[in-house]
């Protein structure tokens, strides 16, 4: 009884992985794109400052 070679055991090069996007297609904007927006960065700065002020108050003034 002989076994037929499978694509994995044929010894040849592995098949090419499918590409997610076509060549020349514009790259998708991920979540890091949102962090570069000035209103979001301003909001996060204000929240961070409030947390910092509250932490300093709790540590040194209470």
C-alpha atoms as a PDB file:
ATOM      1  CA  UNK A   1       0.000   0.000   0.000  1.00  0.00           C
ATOM      2  CA  UNK A   2       1.542   3.305  -1.072  1.00  0.00           C
ATOM      3  CA  UNK A   3       0.595   6.683   0.236  1.00  0.00           C
ATOM      4  CA  UNK A   4       0.013   9.601  -2.051  1.00  0.00           C
ATOM      5  CA  UNK A   5       2.150  12.630  -1.220  1.00  0.00           C
ATOM      6  CA  UNK A   6       0.307  15.438   0.481  1.00  0.00           C
ATOM      7  CA  UNK A   7       1.127  19.074  -0.263  1.00  0.00           C
ATOM      8  CA  UNK A   8       2.932  19.340   3.104  1.00  0.00           C
ATOM      9  CA  UNK A   9       5.119  16.256   2.641  1.00  0.00           C
ATOM     10  CA  UNK A  10       6.007  16.682  -1.034  1.00  0.00           C
ATOM     11  CA  UNK A  11       9.314  18.339  -0.215  1.00  0.00           C
ATOM     12  CA  UNK A  12       8.607  21.270  -2.513  1.00  0.00           C
ATOM     13  CA  UNK A  13       8.321  24.897  -1.498  1.00  0.00           C
ATOM     14  CA  UNK A  14       5.329  25.789   0.685  1.00  0.00           C
ATOM     15  CA  UNK A  15       2.382  27.432  -1.047  1.00  0.00           C
ATOM     16  CA  UNK A  16       2.357  31.199  -1.103  1.00  0.00           C
ATOM     17  CA  UNK A  17       0.299  32.856   1.622  1.00  0.00           C
ATOM     18  CA  UNK A  18      -2.714  34.793   0.356  1.00  0.00           C
ATOM     19  CA  UNK A  19      -2.312  38.538   0.517  1.00  0.00           C
ATOM     20  CA  UNK A  20      -4.837  40.550   2.488  1.00  0.00           C
ATOM     21  CA  UNK A  21      -4.750  43.562   0.202  1.00  0.00           C
ATOM     22  CA  UNK A  22      -4.128  43.965  -3.468  1.00  0.00           C
ATOM     23  CA  UNK A  23      -0.837  45.568  -4.528  1.00  0.00           C
ATOM     24  CA  UNK A  24      -1.166  49.319  -4.775  1.00  0.00           C
ATOM     25  CA  UNK A  25      -4.193  49.431  -2.463  1.00  0.00           C
ATOM     26  CA  UNK A  26      -4.078  52.162   0.196  1.00  0.00           C
ATOM     27  CA  UNK A  27      -3.097  50.967   3.641  1.00  0.00           C
ATOM     28  CA  UNK A  28      -5.848  50.749   6.236  1.00  0.00           C
ATOM     29  CA  UNK A  29      -5.820  53.182   9.121  1.00  0.00           C
ATOM     30  CA  UNK A  30      -5.676  51.375  12.434  1.00  0.00           C
ATOM     31  CA  UNK A  31      -6.315  52.532  15.958  1.00  0.00           C
ATOM     32  CA  UNK A  32      -2.988  54.398  16.121  1.00  0.00           C
ATOM     33  CA  UNK A  33      -4.367  56.812  13.547  1.00  0.00           C
ATOM     34  CA  UNK A  34      -7.010  57.898  16.073  1.00  0.00           C
ATOM     35  CA  UNK A  35      -4.330  58.722  18.663  1.00  0.00           C
ATOM     36  CA  UNK A  36      -2.841  61.318  16.323  1.00  0.00           C
ATOM     37  CA  UNK A  37      -6.032  63.382  16.375  1.00  0.00           C
ATOM     38  CA  UNK A  38      -5.627  66.612  18.409  1.00  0.00           C
ATOM     39  CA  UNK A  39      -9.049  66.516  20.173  1.00  0.00           C
ATOM     40  CA  UNK A  40      -8.450  62.995  21.451  1.00  0.00           C
ATOM     41  CA  UNK A  41      -4.946  63.816  22.621  1.00  0.00           C
ATOM     42  CA  UNK A  42      -6.236  66.925  24.396  1.00  0.00           C
ATOM     43  CA  UNK A  43      -8.956  64.869  26.101  1.00  0.00           C
ATOM     44  CA  UNK A  44      -6.463  62.212  27.201  1.00  0.00           C
ATOM     45  CA  UNK A  45      -4.095  64.904  28.479  1.00  0.00           C
ATOM     46  CA  UNK A  46      -6.843  66.488  30.588  1.00  0.00           C
ATOM     47  CA  UNK A  47      -7.891  63.107  32.018  1.00  0.00           C
ATOM     48  CA  UNK A  48      -4.262  62.219  32.754  1.00  0.00           C
ATOM     49  CA  UNK A  49      -3.692  65.576  34.472  1.00  0.00           C
ATOM     50  CA  UNK A  50      -6.783  65.095  36.625  1.00  0.00           C
ATOM     51  CA  UNK A  51      -5.623  61.633  37.656  1.00  0.00           C
ATOM     52  CA  UNK A  52      -2.153  62.978  38.431  1.00  0.00           C
ATOM     53  CA  UNK A  53      -3.551  65.825  40.538  1.00  0.00           C
ATOM     54  CA  UNK A  54      -5.825  63.409  42.425  1.00  0.00           C
ATOM     55  CA  UNK A  55      -2.923  61.016  43.046  1.00  0.00           C
ATOM     56  CA  UNK A  56      -0.619  63.758  44.308  1.00  0.00           C
ATOM     57  CA  UNK A  57      -3.400  65.076  46.537  1.00  0.00           C
ATOM     58  CA  UNK A  58      -4.035  61.629  48.016  1.00  0.00           C
ATOM     59  CA  UNK A  59      -0.353  60.907  48.594  1.00  0.00           C
ATOM     60  CA  UNK A  60       0.857  64.179  50.044  1.00  0.00           C
ATOM     61  CA  UNK A  61      -2.108  66.162  51.341  1.00  0.00           C
ATOM     62  CA  UNK A  62      -4.264  63.558  53.052  1.00  0.00           C
END
